[in-house]
PDB file of N, CA and C in Angstrom:
ATOM      1  N   MET A   1      -3.987  58.194  45.417  1.00  0.00           N
ATOM      2  CA  MET A   1      -4.229  56.623  45.202  1.00  0.00           C
ATOM      3  C   MET A   1      -5.037  55.473  44.142  1.00  0.00           C
ATOM      4  N   ARG A   2      -6.355  56.807  44.383  1.00  0.00           N
ATOM      5  CA  ARG A   2      -7.599  56.034  43.220  1.00  0.00           C
ATOM      6  C   ARG A   2      -7.019  55.677  42.049  1.00  0.00           C
ATOM      7  N   ARG A   3      -5.958  56.223  41.261  1.00  0.00           N
ATOM      8  CA  ARG A   3      -5.654  55.817  39.634  1.00  0.00           C
ATOM      9  C   ARG A   3      -4.489  54.665  40.481  1.00  0.00           C
ATOM     10  N   TRP A   4      -4.195  54.523  41.486  1.00  0.00           N
ATOM     11  CA  TRP A   4      -3.473  52.848  41.533  1.00  0.00           C
ATOM     12  C   TRP A   4      -4.740  51.765  41.333  1.00  0.00           C
ATOM     13  N   ILE A   5      -5.209  52.272  42.348  1.00  0.00           N
ATOM     14  CA  ILE A   5      -6.882  51.140  42.244  1.00  0.00           C
ATOM     15  C   ILE A   5      -7.725  50.443  41.090  1.00  0.00           C
ATOM     16  N   LEU A   6      -7.599  51.659  40.554  1.00  0.00           N
ATOM     17  CA  LEU A   6      -8.473  52.286  39.775  1.00  0.00           C
ATOM     18  C   LEU A   6      -7.542  51.130  38.112  1.00  0.00           C
ATOM     19  N   VAL A   7      -6.558  52.073  38.118  1.00  0.00           N
ATOM     20  CA  VAL A   7      -5.172  51.325  36.898  1.00  0.00           C
ATOM     21  C   VAL A   7      -4.914  49.695  37.080  1.00  0.00           C
ATOM     22  N   THR A   8      -4.759  48.224  39.023  1.00  0.00           N
ATOM     23  CA  THR A   8      -4.496  47.414  38.863  1.00  0.00           C
ATOM     24  C   THR A   8      -6.246  47.099  39.021  1.00  0.00           C
ATOM     25  N   ALA A   9      -7.539  47.408  38.863  1.00  0.00           N
ATOM     26  CA  ALA A   9      -8.979  47.318  38.676  1.00  0.00           C
ATOM     27  C   ALA A   9      -8.500  46.973  36.840  1.00  0.00           C
ATOM     28  N   VAL A  10      -8.627  48.141  35.988  1.00  0.00           N
ATOM     29  CA  VAL A  10      -8.196  47.528  35.169  1.00  0.00           C
ATOM     30  C   VAL A  10      -7.403  46.899  34.557  1.00  0.00           C
ATOM     31  N   ALA A  11      -6.066  46.691  34.723  1.00  0.00           N
ATOM     32  CA  ALA A  11      -5.321  44.961  34.389  1.00  0.00           C
ATOM     33  C   ALA A  11      -5.947  43.935  34.439  1.00  0.00           C
ATOM     34  N   LEU A  12      -6.390  43.762  36.253  1.00  0.00           N
ATOM     35  CA  LEU A  12      -7.225  42.565  36.637  1.00  0.00           C
ATOM     36  C   LEU A  12      -7.619  42.489  35.101  1.00  0.00           C
ATOM     37  N   VAL A  13      -8.881  43.242  34.739  1.00  0.00           N
ATOM     38  CA  VAL A  13     -10.436  42.952  33.803  1.00  0.00           C
ATOM     39  C   VAL A  13      -9.529  42.476  32.867  1.00  0.00           C
ATOM     40  N   ALA A  14      -8.755  42.456  32.212  1.00  0.00           N
ATOM     41  CA  ALA A  14      -8.554  42.783  31.358  1.00  0.00           C
ATOM     42  C   ALA A  14      -7.484  40.908  31.005  1.00  0.00           C
ATOM     43  N   ALA A  15      -6.617  40.463  32.057  1.00  0.00           N
ATOM     44  CA  ALA A  15      -5.712  39.999  32.592  1.00  0.00           C
ATOM     45  C   ALA A  15      -6.298  38.418  32.233  1.00  0.00           C
ATOM     46  N   VAL A  16      -6.834  38.507  33.337  1.00  0.00           N
ATOM     47  CA  VAL A  16      -7.988  37.043  33.883  1.00  0.00           C
ATOM     48  C   VAL A  16      -9.328  36.434  32.961  1.00  0.00           C
ATOM     49  N   PRO A  17      -9.695  37.021  32.079  1.00  0.00           N
ATOM     50  CA  PRO A  17      -9.934  36.842  30.585  1.00  0.00           C
ATOM     51  C   PRO A  17      -9.393  36.033  29.066  1.00  0.00           C
ATOM     52  N   ALA A  18      -7.800  37.120  29.132  1.00  0.00           N
ATOM     53  CA  ALA A  18      -6.693  35.955  28.755  1.00  0.00           C
ATOM     54  C   ALA A  18      -6.693  35.171  29.295  1.00  0.00           C
ATOM     55  N   ALA A  19      -6.291  35.247  30.484  1.00  0.00           N
ATOM     56  CA  ALA A  19      -5.648  33.301  31.379  1.00  0.00           C
ATOM     57  C   ALA A  19      -6.939  32.177  31.022  1.00  0.00           C
ATOM     58  N   GLY A  20      -8.226  32.588  30.531  1.00  0.00           N
ATOM     59  CA  GLY A  20      -8.740  31.497  30.539  1.00  0.00           C
ATOM     60  C   GLY A  20      -8.239  31.159  29.139  1.00  0.00           C
ATOM     61  N   TYR A  21      -7.952  31.504  28.344  1.00  0.00           N
ATOM     62  CA  TYR A  21      -7.731  31.483  26.302  1.00  0.00           C
ATOM     63  C   TYR A  21      -6.307  30.911  26.574  1.00  0.00           C
ATOM     64  N   ALA A  22      -5.481  30.401  27.521  1.00  0.00           N
ATOM     65  CA  ALA A  22      -3.875  30.269  27.778  1.00  0.00           C
ATOM     66  C   ALA A  22      -4.576  28.470  27.699  1.00  0.00           C
ATOM     67  N   GLN A  23      -3.387  28.151  27.012  1.00  0.00           N
ATOM     68  CA  GLN A  23      -3.476  26.769  26.282  1.00  0.00           C
ATOM     69  C   GLN A  23      -2.659  25.710  27.463  1.00  0.00           C
ATOM     70  N   THR A  24      -3.365  24.621  27.595  1.00  0.00           N
ATOM     71  CA  THR A  24      -2.607  23.897  29.309  1.00  0.00           C
ATOM     72  C   THR A  24      -1.151  22.569  28.161  1.00  0.00           C
ATOM     73  N   PRO A  25      -0.292  22.357  28.401  1.00  0.00           N
ATOM     74  CA  PRO A  25       0.265  21.631  28.520  1.00  0.00           C
ATOM     75  C   PRO A  25      -0.567  19.854  27.624  1.00  0.00           C
ATOM     76  N   GLY A  26      -0.823  19.209  28.172  1.00  0.00           N
ATOM     77  CA  GLY A  26      -1.869  18.432  27.287  1.00  0.00           C
ATOM     78  C   GLY A  26      -2.639  19.084  26.708  1.00  0.00           C
ATOM     79  N   ASP A  27      -2.831  19.754  26.026  1.00  0.00           N
ATOM     80  CA  ASP A  27      -3.788  20.148  24.805  1.00  0.00           C
ATOM     81  C   ASP A  27      -2.308  19.973  23.716  1.00  0.00           C
ATOM     82  N   LYS A  28      -1.327  20.587  23.826  1.00  0.00           N
ATOM     83  CA  LYS A  28      -0.047  21.360  23.273  1.00  0.00           C
ATOM     84  C   LYS A  28       0.061  20.004  23.645  1.00  0.00           C
ATOM     85  N   MET A  29       0.400  19.143  24.541  1.00  0.00           N
ATOM     86  CA  MET A  29       1.079  17.645  23.209  1.00  0.00           C
ATOM     87  C   MET A  29       0.647  16.638  22.341  1.00  0.00           C
ATOM     88  N   LYS A  30      -0.928  16.886  23.118  1.00  0.00           N
ATOM     89  CA  LYS A  30      -2.265  15.965  22.425  1.00  0.00           C
ATOM     90  C   LYS A  30      -1.974  16.534  20.989  1.00  0.00           C
ATOM     91  N   ASP A  31      -1.760  18.015  20.348  1.00  0.00           N
ATOM     92  CA  ASP A  31      -1.572  19.232  19.145  1.00  0.00           C
ATOM     93  C   ASP A  31       0.028  18.462  18.195  1.00  0.00           C
ATOM     94  N   GLU A  32       0.978  17.847  18.910  1.00  0.00           N
ATOM     95  CA  GLU A  32       1.763  17.811  18.371  1.00  0.00           C
ATOM     96  C   GLU A  32       1.691  16.442  17.720  1.00  0.00           C
ATOM     97  N   LYS A  33       0.834  16.500  18.946  1.00  0.00           N
ATOM     98  CA  LYS A  33       1.752  13.736  18.248  1.00  0.00           C
ATOM     99  C   LYS A  33       0.600  13.889  16.924  1.00  0.00           C
ATOM    100  N   MET A  34      -1.069  14.806  17.093  1.00  0.00           N
ATOM    101  CA  MET A  34      -1.484  14.903  15.819  1.00  0.00           C
ATOM    102  C   MET A  34      -0.497  14.928  14.533  1.00  0.00           C
ATOM    103  N   MET A  35      -0.220  15.542  14.996  1.00  0.00           N
ATOM    104  CA  MET A  35       0.232  16.569  13.942  1.00  0.00           C
ATOM    105  C   MET A  35       1.671  15.774  13.519  1.00  0.00           C
ATOM    106  N   LYS A  36       2.868  15.812  14.400  1.00  0.00           N
ATOM    107  CA  LYS A  36       4.139  14.117  14.191  1.00  0.00           C
ATOM    108  C   LYS A  36       2.796  12.999  13.052  1.00  0.00           C
ATOM    109  N   ASP A  37       1.902  12.869  13.866  1.00  0.00           N
ATOM    110  CA  ASP A  37       1.310  11.293  13.305  1.00  0.00           C
ATOM    111  C   ASP A  37       0.973  11.716  12.247  1.00  0.00           C
ATOM    112  N   ASP A  38       0.687  12.562  11.950  1.00  0.00           N
ATOM    113  CA  ASP A  38       0.002  13.303   9.931  1.00  0.00           C
ATOM    114  C   ASP A  38       1.865  13.139   9.625  1.00  0.00           C
ATOM    115  N   LYS A  39       1.992  13.796   9.584  1.00  0.00           N
ATOM    116  CA  LYS A  39       3.787  13.416   8.832  1.00  0.00           C
ATOM    117  C   LYS A  39       4.231  13.320   8.348  1.00  0.00           C
ATOM    118  N   MET A  40       4.098  11.945   9.985  1.00  0.00           N
ATOM    119  CA  MET A  40       4.785  10.332   9.507  1.00  0.00           C
ATOM    120  C   MET A  40       3.457   9.741   8.064  1.00  0.00           C
ATOM    121  N   LYS A  41       2.411   9.878   8.464  1.00  0.00           N
ATOM    122  CA  LYS A  41       1.791   8.987   7.379  1.00  0.00           C
ATOM    123  C   LYS A  41       1.446   9.661   5.285  1.00  0.00           C
ATOM    124  N   MET A  42       1.833  11.138   5.727  1.00  0.00           N
ATOM    125  CA  MET A  42       2.362  11.090   4.861  1.00  0.00           C
ATOM    126  C   MET A  42       3.769  11.575   3.956  1.00  0.00           C
ATOM    127  N   ASP A  43       4.723  11.250   5.217  1.00  0.00           N
ATOM    128  CA  ASP A  43       6.007  10.300   4.486  1.00  0.00           C
ATOM    129  C   ASP A  43       5.937   9.498   4.267  1.00  0.00           C
ATOM    130  N   ASP A  44       4.796   8.526   4.927  1.00  0.00           N
ATOM    131  CA  ASP A  44       4.724   7.056   4.377  1.00  0.00           C
ATOM    132  C   ASP A  44       4.595   6.720   2.960  1.00  0.00           C
ATOM    133  N   LYS A  45       3.198   7.819   2.670  1.00  0.00           N
ATOM    134  CA  LYS A  45       2.583   8.140   2.312  1.00  0.00           C
ATOM    135  C   LYS A  45       3.720   7.871   0.730  1.00  0.00           C
ATOM    136  N   MET A  46       4.683   8.896   0.694  1.00  0.00           N
ATOM    137  CA  MET A  46       5.225   9.105   0.104  1.00  0.00           C
ATOM    138  C   MET A  46       6.002   8.555  -0.348  1.00  0.00           C
ATOM    139  N   LYS A  47       6.404   7.978   0.617  1.00  0.00           N
ATOM    140  CA  LYS A  47       7.216   6.282   0.311  1.00  0.00           C
ATOM    141  C   LYS A  47       6.599   4.581  -0.122  1.00  0.00           C
ATOM    142  N   HIS A  48       5.768   5.169  -0.271  1.00  0.00           N
ATOM    143  CA  HIS A  48       4.828   3.745  -1.134  1.00  0.00           C
ATOM    144  C   HIS A  48       4.786   4.895  -2.859  1.00  0.00           C
ATOM    145  N   ASP A  49       4.535   5.872  -2.602  1.00  0.00           N
ATOM    146  CA  ASP A  49       4.191   6.255  -3.670  1.00  0.00           C
ATOM    147  C   ASP A  49       5.831   6.187  -4.926  1.00  0.00           C
ATOM    148  N   LYS A  50       6.620   6.305  -4.443  1.00  0.00           N
ATOM    149  CA  LYS A  50       7.896   5.797  -5.010  1.00  0.00           C
ATOM    150  C   LYS A  50       8.320   5.382  -5.119  1.00  0.00           C
ATOM    151  N   MET A  51       7.950   4.440  -4.097  1.00  0.00           N
ATOM    152  CA  MET A  51       8.539   2.512  -4.503  1.00  0.00           C
ATOM    153  C   MET A  51       7.748   2.116  -5.929  1.00  0.00           C
ATOM    154  N   MET A  52       6.333   2.410  -5.712  1.00  0.00           N
ATOM    155  CA  MET A  52       5.376   1.871  -6.612  1.00  0.00           C
ATOM    156  C   MET A  52       5.595   2.964  -8.507  1.00  0.00           C
ATOM    157  N   LYS A  53       5.830   4.306  -7.997  1.00  0.00           N
ATOM    158  CA  LYS A  53       6.418   4.634  -8.875  1.00  0.00           C
ATOM    159  C   LYS A  53       7.880   3.934  -9.947  1.00  0.00           C
ATOM    160  N   ASP A  54       8.575   4.072  -8.876  1.00  0.00           N
ATOM    161  CA  ASP A  54      10.491   2.540  -8.763  1.00  0.00           C
ATOM    162  C   ASP A  54      10.063   1.313  -9.006  1.00  0.00           C
ATOM    163  N   ASP A  55       9.009   0.763  -9.247  1.00  0.00           N
ATOM    164  CA  ASP A  55       8.622  -0.438  -9.449  1.00  0.00           C
ATOM    165  C   ASP A  55       8.470  -0.294 -11.209  1.00  0.00           C
ATOM    166  N   LYS A  56       7.621   0.464 -11.383  1.00  0.00           N
ATOM    167  CA  LYS A  56       6.085   0.754 -12.509  1.00  0.00           C
ATOM    168  C   LYS A  56       7.886   0.938 -13.922  1.00  0.00           C
ATOM    169  N   MET A  57       8.924   1.887 -13.370  1.00  0.00           N
ATOM    170  CA  MET A  57       9.578   1.892 -14.197  1.00  0.00           C
ATOM    171  C   MET A  57      10.986   0.518 -14.491  1.00  0.00           C
ATOM    172  N   LYS A  58      10.870  -0.208 -13.317  1.00  0.00           N
ATOM    173  CA  LYS A  58      11.367  -0.605 -13.390  1.00  0.00           C
ATOM    174  C   LYS A  58      11.085  -2.140 -14.749  1.00  0.00           C
ATOM    175  N   LYS A  59       9.812  -1.530 -14.601  1.00  0.00           N
ATOM    176  CA  LYS A  59       9.532  -2.984 -15.596  1.00  0.00           C
ATOM    177  C   LYS A  59       8.863  -2.232 -16.414  1.00  0.00           C
ATOM    178  N   ASP A  60       8.547  -0.690 -16.744  1.00  0.00           N
ATOM    179  CA  ASP A  60       9.038  -0.617 -18.063  1.00  0.00           C
ATOM    180  C   ASP A  60      10.271  -0.761 -19.237  1.00  0.00           C
ATOM    181  N   LYS A  61      11.491  -0.911 -18.438  1.00  0.00           N
ATOM    182  CA  LYS A  61      12.748  -1.238 -17.954  1.00  0.00           C
ATOM    183  C   LYS A  61      13.119  -2.045 -19.898  1.00  0.00           C
ATOM    184  N   MET A  62      12.058  -2.914 -18.138  1.00  0.00           N
ATOM    185  CA  MET A  62      11.979  -4.856 -18.797  1.00  0.00           C
ATOM    186  C   MET A  62      11.622  -5.218 -20.480  1.00  0.00           C
ATOM    187  N   MET A  63      10.438  -4.554 -20.348  1.00  0.00           N
ATOM    188  CA  MET A  63      10.016  -4.357 -20.904  1.00  0.00           C
ATOM    189  C   MET A  63       9.615  -3.778 -23.206  1.00  0.00           C
ATOM    190  N   GLU A  64      11.743  -3.024 -22.435  1.00  0.00           N
ATOM    191  CA  GLU A  64      11.606  -2.904 -23.470  1.00  0.00           C
ATOM    192  C   GLU A  64      13.129  -3.443 -24.097  1.00  0.00           C
ATOM    193  N   LYS A  65      12.889  -3.920 -22.483  1.00  0.00           N
ATOM    194  CA  LYS A  65      14.399  -4.834 -22.886  1.00  0.00           C
ATOM    195  C   LYS A  65      13.647  -5.968 -24.003  1.00  0.00           C
ATOM    196  N   LYS A  66      13.036  -7.014 -24.153  1.00  0.00           N
ATOM    197  CA  LYS A  66      12.004  -7.992 -24.649  1.00  0.00           C
ATOM    198  C   LYS A  66      11.679  -7.515 -26.069  1.00  0.00           C
TER     199      LYS A  66
END
């Protein structure tokens, strides 16, 4: 009997602080949204850089034709 009480007490002491570190759904959603926004910004920047590179290549080709 004492053994079960001791095991239960130790399990509760170990579980209660760990529950304090659990992530709430709101935090998780906020983090996912921020990561998605960052990814979208990076994609936009990459598209912009690619377009600028393409424009430069077109201008270079046009200059060569002249």
